[in-house]
Amino acid sequence: MLSVEEVLELPPGDDQNATWINPGFKAVVREIKRTQTKKAPVRAMNICTLGSETGAAEISLTVFAAVKFEEGDLIEVSGQGLRRTEYNGLAQVTMGKNTEIHILGKSAHAPEQAERKAAGAPPIDNKGHFPISGQTVGMAMKESLALAGMAAGGITRDVLKDPLFWQDVKTYAGNIIRISRSLEAGKLSPPSWPTPKREEAPPSKPAAIKPQPGPDGAAFPPNAGDEDSVPF
């Protein structure tokens, strides 16, 4: 089976000049965006990001059906009709009617890879960096330009010529992307508002034990008291 890196090296084809992926490839499921088709008949649509086991390479796969695999699974995609494609600059693989997906188990490296990606660190194999979507980069650039402009007292021609201004833009953009990835991974900061402390109920007092009447009807059995205290 090919790796994700080897699939990415294949030239993307189209309907007339297809690039077949033979015999198939192995990948780790890094993300699943579950949605549905907009046109009738409405059916499940899962946009999956598949990645290398230890590297940074990623490729997209859309499955128009419910999927049994989950994020962190190591899968094998193979069978007839599997093609290397591209859509709006996004590297993809496209399934055919006879393409099959088999779950090989959980990837042992998936948790560490997710941690590294959220922190903006290189992958386990230390080759390159995890790709960042153009939409995320555009958002980060827009916000970082505004922040750097405020710090500079306004964006002027002189400011745009200053390399330190662009250094600030890159720093701000990188931090925005790192925070975005951390939040997407579910790592939230503690709430900034005070949270009420849970008051524990006071310990319950043991119920008083009532004396039970003796065989003669007395509250205490005969000679239950201290004989020395008898006044006669």
C-alpha atoms as a PDB file:
ATOM      1  CA  MET A   1       0.000   0.000   0.000  1.00  0.00           C
ATOM      2  CA  LEU A   2       1.135   3.533  -0.761  1.00  0.00           C
ATOM      3  CA  SER A   3       1.678   6.170   1.897  1.00  0.00           C
ATOM      4  CA  VAL A   4      -0.076   9.548   1.879  1.00  0.00           C
ATOM      5  CA  GLU A   5       3.212  11.132   0.801  1.00  0.00           C
ATOM      6  CA  GLU A   6       3.391   8.815  -2.217  1.00  0.00           C
ATOM      7  CA  VAL A   7      -0.234   9.546  -3.158  1.00  0.00           C
ATOM      8  CA  LEU A   8       0.484  13.284  -3.084  1.00  0.00           C
ATOM      9  CA  GLU A   9       3.349  12.764  -5.535  1.00  0.00           C
ATOM     10  CA  LEU A  10       0.906  11.416  -8.125  1.00  0.00           C
ATOM     11  CA  PRO A  11      -0.288  14.064 -10.610  1.00  0.00           C
ATOM     12  CA  PRO A  12      -3.976  14.916 -10.109  1.00  0.00           C
ATOM     13  CA  GLY A  13      -6.191  13.755 -12.940  1.00  0.00           C
ATOM     14  CA  ASP A  14      -9.728  14.477 -14.131  1.00  0.00           C
ATOM     15  CA  ASP A  15     -12.639  12.526 -15.592  1.00  0.00           C
ATOM     16  CA  GLN A  16     -10.947  12.277 -18.998  1.00  0.00           C
ATOM     17  CA  ASN A  17      -7.391  11.615 -17.806  1.00  0.00           C
ATOM     18  CA  ALA A  18      -7.682   9.758 -14.546  1.00  0.00           C
ATOM     19  CA  THR A  19      -4.763   9.038 -12.253  1.00  0.00           C
ATOM     20  CA  TRP A  20      -5.458   5.691 -10.598  1.00  0.00           C
ATOM     21  CA  ILE A  21      -4.104   4.901  -7.130  1.00  0.00           C
ATOM     22  CA  ASN A  22      -2.870   1.323  -7.263  1.00  0.00           C
ATOM     23  CA  PRO A  23      -2.971  -0.790  -5.207  1.00  0.00           C
ATOM     24  CA  GLY A  24      -4.311   1.682  -2.605  1.00  0.00           C
ATOM     25  CA  PHE A  25      -2.966   3.550   0.398  1.00  0.00           C
ATOM     26  CA  LYS A  26      -2.897   3.618   4.192  1.00  0.00           C
ATOM     27  CA  ALA A  27      -3.688   6.726   6.218  1.00  0.00           C
ATOM     28  CA  VAL A  28      -4.717   7.985   9.631  1.00  0.00           C
ATOM     29  CA  VAL A  29      -8.108   9.670   9.949  1.00  0.00           C
ATOM     30  CA  ARG A  30      -7.250  13.102  11.351  1.00  0.00           C
ATOM     31  CA  GLU A  31     -10.595  14.818  11.009  1.00  0.00           C
ATOM     32  CA  ILE A  32     -14.172  14.037   9.959  1.00  0.00           C
ATOM     33  CA  LYS A  33     -16.632  16.786   9.088  1.00  0.00           C
ATOM     34  CA  ARG A  34     -20.071  15.192   9.088  1.00  0.00           C
ATOM     35  CA  THR A  35     -22.682  16.922   6.962  1.00  0.00           C
ATOM     36  CA  GLN A  36     -25.183  16.039   4.241  1.00  0.00           C
ATOM     37  CA  THR A  37     -25.751  16.753   0.584  1.00  0.00           C
ATOM     38  CA  LYS A  38     -27.821  19.815  -0.306  1.00  0.00           C
ATOM     39  CA  LYS A  39     -29.464  18.337  -3.374  1.00  0.00           C
ATOM     40  CA  ALA A  40     -32.094  15.624  -3.299  1.00  0.00           C
ATOM     41  CA  PRO A  41     -31.892  12.842  -2.488  1.00  0.00           C
ATOM     42  CA  VAL A  42     -30.320  14.032   0.772  1.00  0.00           C
ATOM     43  CA  ARG A  43     -27.645  11.652   2.027  1.00  0.00           C
ATOM     44  CA  ALA A  44     -24.777  11.633   4.478  1.00  0.00           C
ATOM     45  CA  MET A  45     -21.547  13.301   3.395  1.00  0.00           C
ATOM     46  CA  ASN A  46     -18.330  12.941   5.385  1.00  0.00           C
ATOM     47  CA  ILE A  47     -15.406  15.173   4.470  1.00  0.00           C
ATOM     48  CA  CYS A  48     -12.363  13.382   5.870  1.00  0.00           C
ATOM     49  CA  THR A  49      -8.817  14.625   6.311  1.00  0.00           C
ATOM     50  CA  LEU A  50      -6.425  11.695   6.004  1.00  0.00           C
ATOM     51  CA  GLY A  51      -2.836  12.003   7.126  1.00  0.00           C
ATOM     52  CA  SER A  52       0.504  10.271   7.316  1.00  0.00           C
ATOM     53  CA  GLU A  53       1.171   8.037  10.315  1.00  0.00           C
ATOM     54  CA  THR A  54       4.240   9.997  11.460  1.00  0.00           C
ATOM     55  CA  GLY A  55       4.592  12.763   8.868  1.00  0.00           C
ATOM     56  CA  ALA A  56       2.794  16.012   8.108  1.00  0.00           C
ATOM     57  CA  ALA A  57       1.246  15.025   4.761  1.00  0.00           C
ATOM     58  CA  GLU A  58      -2.541  15.331   4.475  1.00  0.00           C
ATOM     59  CA  ILE A  59      -5.092  14.638   1.755  1.00  0.00           C
ATOM     60  CA  SER A  60      -8.878  14.956   1.590  1.00  0.00           C
ATOM     61  CA  LEU A  61     -11.420  12.185   0.996  1.00  0.00           C
ATOM     62  CA  THR A  62     -15.199  12.705   0.774  1.00  0.00           C
ATOM     63  CA  VAL A  63     -17.421   9.717   1.544  1.00  0.00           C
ATOM     64  CA  PHE A  64     -21.063  10.031   0.461  1.00  0.00           C
ATOM     65  CA  ALA A  65     -22.366   7.585   3.060  1.00  0.00           C
ATOM     66  CA  ALA A  66     -22.202   6.931   6.777  1.00  0.00           C
ATOM     67  CA  VAL A  67     -18.748   5.857   7.944  1.00  0.00           C
ATOM     68  CA  LYS A  68     -17.787   3.362  10.615  1.00  0.00           C
ATOM     69  CA  PHE A  69     -14.268   4.672  11.192  1.00  0.00           C
ATOM     70  CA  GLU A  70     -13.460   7.453  13.659  1.00  0.00           C
ATOM     71  CA  GLU A  71     -10.756  10.064  14.092  1.00  0.00           C
ATOM     72  CA  GLY A  72      -7.499   8.410  15.092  1.00  0.00           C
ATOM     73  CA  ASP A  73      -8.217   5.195  13.159  1.00  0.00           C
ATOM     74  CA  LEU A  74      -5.670   3.749  10.760  1.00  0.00           C
ATOM     75  CA  ILE A  75      -7.494   2.798   7.560  1.00  0.00           C
ATOM     76  CA  GLU A  76      -6.716   1.202   4.220  1.00  0.00           C
ATOM     77  CA  VAL A  77      -8.386   2.601   1.095  1.00  0.00           C
ATOM     78  CA  SER A  78      -8.195   0.320  -1.942  1.00  0.00           C
ATOM     79  CA  GLY A  79     -10.118  -1.202  -4.820  1.00  0.00           C
ATOM     80  CA  GLN A  80     -11.144  -0.215  -8.314  1.00  0.00           C
ATOM     81  CA  GLY A  81     -12.006   3.370  -9.130  1.00  0.00           C
ATOM     82  CA  LEU A  82      -9.709   5.035  -6.579  1.00  0.00           C
ATOM     83  CA  ARG A  83      -8.290   8.189  -8.173  1.00  0.00           C
ATOM     84  CA  ARG A  84      -5.948  11.063  -7.296  1.00  0.00           C
ATOM     85  CA  THR A  85      -7.824  14.333  -7.881  1.00  0.00           C
ATOM     86  CA  GLU A  86      -7.773  17.995  -6.929  1.00  0.00           C
ATOM     87  CA  TYR A  87     -10.496  20.574  -6.269  1.00  0.00           C
ATOM     88  CA  ASN A  88      -9.842  24.308  -5.968  1.00  0.00           C
ATOM     89  CA  GLY A  89      -6.218  23.599  -5.132  1.00  0.00           C
ATOM     90  CA  LEU A  90      -7.132  21.020  -2.467  1.00  0.00           C
ATOM     91  CA  ALA A  91      -5.388  17.659  -2.855  1.00  0.00           C
ATOM     92  CA  GLN A  92      -7.960  14.872  -2.876  1.00  0.00           C
ATOM     93  CA  VAL A  93      -8.569  11.209  -3.464  1.00  0.00           C
ATOM     94  CA  THR A  94     -11.871  10.201  -5.058  1.00  0.00           C
ATOM     95  CA  MET A  95     -13.558   6.866  -4.488  1.00  0.00           C
ATOM     96  CA  GLY A  96     -15.223   4.710  -7.117  1.00  0.00           C
ATOM     97  CA  LYS A  97     -18.174   2.351  -6.761  1.00  0.00           C
ATOM     98  CA  ASN A  98     -15.861  -0.574  -6.013  1.00  0.00           C
ATOM     99  CA  THR A  99     -13.511   1.266  -3.646  1.00  0.00           C
ATOM    100  CA  GLU A 100     -13.354  -0.217  -0.158  1.00  0.00           C
ATOM    101  CA  ILE A 101     -12.263   1.168   3.194  1.00  0.00           C
ATOM    102  CA  HIS A 102     -10.952  -1.202   5.862  1.00  0.00           C
ATOM    103  CA  ILE A 103     -10.208  -0.240   9.469  1.00  0.00           C
ATOM    104  CA  LEU A 104      -6.814  -1.592  10.552  1.00  0.00           C
ATOM    105  CA  GLY A 105      -7.081  -0.343  14.138  1.00  0.00           C
ATOM    106  CA  LYS A 106      -6.166   2.733  16.153  1.00  0.00           C
ATOM    107  CA  SER A 107      -3.046   4.623  15.139  1.00  0.00           C
ATOM    108  CA  ALA A 108      -0.523   4.591  17.979  1.00  0.00           C
ATOM    109  CA  HIS A 109       0.816   7.970  16.856  1.00  0.00           C
ATOM    110  CA  ALA A 110      -2.515   9.793  16.427  1.00  0.00           C
ATOM    111  CA  PRO A 111      -2.676  11.433  19.899  1.00  0.00           C
ATOM    112  CA  GLU A 112       0.890  12.777  19.710  1.00  0.00           C
ATOM    113  CA  GLN A 113       0.385  13.953  16.126  1.00  0.00           C
ATOM    114  CA  ALA A 114      -2.760  15.837  17.193  1.00  0.00           C
ATOM    115  CA  GLU A 115      -0.855  17.458  20.073  1.00  0.00           C
ATOM    116  CA  ARG A 116       1.945  18.562  17.769  1.00  0.00           C
ATOM    117  CA  LYS A 117      -0.458  19.930  15.179  1.00  0.00           C
ATOM    118  CA  ALA A 118      -2.412  21.937  17.754  1.00  0.00           C
ATOM    119  CA  ALA A 119       0.824  23.392  19.152  1.00  0.00           C
ATOM    120  CA  GLY A 120       2.226  24.267  15.725  1.00  0.00           C
ATOM    121  CA  ALA A 121       5.122  21.861  16.243  1.00  0.00           C
ATOM    122  CA  PRO A 122       6.615  19.652  13.491  1.00  0.00           C
ATOM    123  CA  PRO A 123       5.335  16.077  13.050  1.00  0.00           C
ATOM    124  CA  ILE A 124       6.903  13.047  14.672  1.00  0.00           C
ATOM    125  CA  ASP A 125       9.279  12.423  11.770  1.00  0.00           C
ATOM    126  CA  ASN A 126      10.404  16.078  12.096  1.00  0.00           C
ATOM    127  CA  LYS A 127      10.024  16.682   8.356  1.00  0.00           C
ATOM    128  CA  GLY A 128       8.214  19.872   7.410  1.00  0.00           C
ATOM    129  CA  HIS A 129       5.103  21.217   9.128  1.00  0.00           C
ATOM    130  CA  PHE A 130       1.423  20.359   9.146  1.00  0.00           C
ATOM    131  CA  PRO A 131      -0.467  22.124   6.337  1.00  0.00           C
ATOM    132  CA  ILE A 132      -2.817  24.982   7.228  1.00  0.00           C
ATOM    133  CA  SER A 133      -5.923  25.691   5.196  1.00  0.00           C
ATOM    134  CA  GLY A 134      -6.008  28.868   3.126  1.00  0.00           C
ATOM    135  CA  GLN A 135      -9.160  29.996   4.925  1.00  0.00           C
ATOM    136  CA  THR A 136      -7.434  29.820   8.296  1.00  0.00           C
ATOM    137  CA  VAL A 137      -4.360  31.634   6.989  1.00  0.00           C
ATOM    138  CA  GLY A 138      -6.529  34.362   5.451  1.00  0.00           C
ATOM    139  CA  MET A 139      -8.379  34.912   8.720  1.00  0.00           C
ATOM    140  CA  ALA A 140      -5.130  35.043  10.674  1.00  0.00           C
ATOM    141  CA  MET A 141      -3.543  37.507   8.238  1.00  0.00           C
ATOM    142  CA  LYS A 142      -6.547  39.817   8.351  1.00  0.00           C
ATOM    143  CA  GLU A 143      -6.590  39.927  12.138  1.00  0.00           C
ATOM    144  CA  SER A 144      -2.805  40.203  12.498  1.00  0.00           C
ATOM    145  CA  LEU A 145      -2.621  43.128  10.051  1.00  0.00           C
ATOM    146  CA  ALA A 146      -5.213  44.963  12.120  1.00  0.00           C
ATOM    147  CA  LEU A 147      -3.330  44.248  15.361  1.00  0.00           C
ATOM    148  CA  ALA A 148       0.056  45.235  13.947  1.00  0.00           C
ATOM    149  CA  GLY A 149      -1.477  48.390  12.458  1.00  0.00           C
ATOM    150  CA  MET A 150      -2.906  49.417  15.816  1.00  0.00           C
ATOM    151  CA  ALA A 151       0.442  48.784  17.506  1.00  0.00           C
ATOM    152  CA  ALA A 152       2.175  50.965  14.887  1.00  0.00           C
ATOM    153  CA  GLY A 153      -0.345  53.778  15.278  1.00  0.00           C
ATOM    154  CA  GLY A 154      -1.766  53.248  11.797  1.00  0.00           C
ATOM    155  CA  ILE A 155      -0.660  51.696   8.528  1.00  0.00           C
ATOM    156  CA  THR A 156       1.300  54.151   6.420  1.00  0.00           C
ATOM    157  CA  ARG A 157       3.749  53.732   3.567  1.00  0.00           C
ATOM    158  CA  ASP A 158       6.657  54.074   5.974  1.00  0.00           C
ATOM    159  CA  VAL A 159       5.158  51.423   8.249  1.00  0.00           C
ATOM    160  CA  LEU A 160       4.705  49.025   5.325  1.00  0.00           C
ATOM    161  CA  LYS A 161       8.395  49.445   4.459  1.00  0.00           C
ATOM    162  CA  ASP A 162       9.454  48.509   8.002  1.00  0.00           C
ATOM    163  CA  PRO A 163      10.511  44.814   8.210  1.00  0.00           C
ATOM    164  CA  LEU A 164       9.677  44.835  11.917  1.00  0.00           C
ATOM    165  CA  PHE A 165       6.033  45.522  11.038  1.00  0.00           C
ATOM    166  CA  TRP A 166       5.852  42.368   8.909  1.00  0.00           C
ATOM    167  CA  GLN A 167       7.692  40.432  11.588  1.00  0.00           C
ATOM    168  CA  ASP A 168       4.918  41.420  13.998  1.00  0.00           C
ATOM    169  CA  VAL A 169       2.268  40.424  11.461  1.00  0.00           C
ATOM    170  CA  LYS A 170       3.782  36.953  11.111  1.00  0.00           C
ATOM    171  CA  THR A 171       4.095  36.544  14.882  1.00  0.00           C
ATOM    172  CA  TYR A 172       0.481  37.585  15.484  1.00  0.00           C
ATOM    173  CA  ALA A 173      -0.794  35.383  12.647  1.00  0.00           C
ATOM    174  CA  GLY A 174       1.137  32.363  13.953  1.00  0.00           C
ATOM    175  CA  ASN A 175      -0.233  32.826  17.453  1.00  0.00           C
ATOM    176  CA  ILE A 176      -3.789  33.191  16.135  1.00  0.00           C
ATOM    177  CA  ILE A 177      -3.449  29.943  14.180  1.00  0.00           C
ATOM    178  CA  ARG A 178      -1.969  28.104  17.171  1.00  0.00           C
ATOM    179  CA  ILE A 179      -4.806  29.260  19.423  1.00  0.00           C
ATOM    180  CA  SER A 180      -7.372  28.363  16.747  1.00  0.00           C
ATOM    181  CA  ARG A 181      -5.983  24.842  16.439  1.00  0.00           C
ATOM    182  CA  SER A 182      -5.899  24.410  20.197  1.00  0.00           C
ATOM    183  CA  LEU A 183      -9.533  25.489  20.477  1.00  0.00           C
ATOM    184  CA  GLU A 184     -10.531  23.212  17.602  1.00  0.00           C
ATOM    185  CA  ALA A 185      -8.919  20.339  19.512  1.00  0.00           C
ATOM    186  CA  GLY A 186     -11.223  21.115  22.450  1.00  0.00           C
ATOM    187  CA  LYS A 187      -8.559  22.660  24.686  1.00  0.00           C
ATOM    188  CA  LEU A 188     -10.368  25.586  26.280  1.00  0.00           C
ATOM    189  CA  SER A 189      -9.007  27.942  28.926  1.00  0.00           C
ATOM    190  CA  PRO A 190     -10.765  28.010  32.299  1.00  0.00           C
ATOM    191  CA  PRO A 191     -13.776  30.375  32.334  1.00  0.00           C
ATOM    192  CA  SER A 192     -12.943  33.977  33.265  1.00  0.00           C
ATOM    193  CA  TRP A 193     -16.053  34.374  35.399  1.00  0.00           C
ATOM    194  CA  PRO A 194     -16.260  33.085  38.977  1.00  0.00           C
ATOM    195  CA  THR A 195     -17.835  29.703  39.366  1.00  0.00           C
ATOM    196  CA  PRO A 196     -19.840  28.926  42.502  1.00  0.00           C
ATOM    197  CA  LYS A 197     -18.284  26.443  44.853  1.00  0.00           C
ATOM    198  CA  ARG A 198     -20.267  23.368  45.511  1.00  0.00           C
ATOM    199  CA  GLU A 199     -21.466  23.396  49.104  1.00  0.00           C
ATOM    200  CA  GLU A 200     -21.294  20.056  50.775  1.00  0.00           C
ATOM    201  CA  ALA A 201     -24.151  19.043  53.022  1.00  0.00           C
ATOM    202  CA  PRO A 202     -23.237  18.835  56.742  1.00  0.00           C
ATOM    203  CA  PRO A 203     -22.696  15.303  57.929  1.00  0.00           C
ATOM    204  CA  SER A 204     -25.887  13.777  59.256  1.00  0.00           C
ATOM    205  CA  LYS A 205     -26.026  13.015  62.963  1.00  0.00           C
ATOM    206  CA  PRO A 206     -26.532   9.392  63.905  1.00  0.00           C
ATOM    207  CA  ALA A 207     -30.062   8.687  65.033  1.00  0.00           C
ATOM    208  CA  ALA A 208     -30.488   8.377  68.783  1.00  0.00           C
ATOM    209  CA  ILE A 209     -30.963   4.815  69.920  1.00  0.00           C
ATOM    210  CA  LYS A 210     -34.075   4.516  72.016  1.00  0.00           C
ATOM    211  CA  PRO A 211     -33.890   2.060  74.902  1.00  0.00           C
ATOM    212  CA  GLN A 212     -36.049  -0.962  74.372  1.00  0.00           C
ATOM    213  CA  PRO A 213     -38.234  -2.273  77.178  1.00  0.00           C
ATOM    214  CA  GLY A 214     -37.049  -5.374  78.977  1.00  0.00           C
ATOM    215  CA  PRO A 215     -38.968  -8.532  79.551  1.00  0.00           C
ATOM    216  CA  ASP A 216     -40.792  -7.034  82.583  1.00  0.00           C
ATOM    217  CA  GLY A 217     -41.732  -3.862  80.741  1.00  0.00           C
ATOM    218  CA  ALA A 218     -38.922  -1.776  82.252  1.00  0.00           C
ATOM    219  CA  ALA A 219     -36.800   0.447  80.074  1.00  0.00           C
ATOM    220  CA  PHE A 220     -33.683  -1.258  81.321  1.00  0.00           C
ATOM    221  CA  PRO A 221     -33.057  -4.886  82.093  1.00  0.00           C
ATOM    222  CA  PRO A 222     -32.811  -5.854  85.773  1.00  0.00           C
ATOM    223  CA  ASN A 223     -29.568  -4.789  87.510  1.00  0.00           C
ATOM    224  CA  ALA A 224     -28.642  -2.629  84.507  1.00  0.00           C
ATOM    225  CA  GLY A 225     -27.577   0.187  86.784  1.00  0.00           C
ATOM    226  CA  ASP A 226     -24.557   0.449  89.045  1.00  0.00           C
ATOM    227  CA  GLU A 227     -25.308  -1.463  92.236  1.00  0.00           C
ATOM    228  CA  ASP A 228     -23.018   0.804  94.267  1.00  0.00           C
ATOM    229  CA  SER A 229     -25.207   3.779  93.453  1.00  0.00           C
ATOM    230  CA  VAL A 230     -28.244   2.249  95.109  1.00  0.00           C
ATOM    231  CA  PRO A 231     -29.061   4.427  98.204  1.00  0.00           C
ATOM    232  CA  PHE A 232     -29.766   1.415 100.492  1.00  0.00           C
END
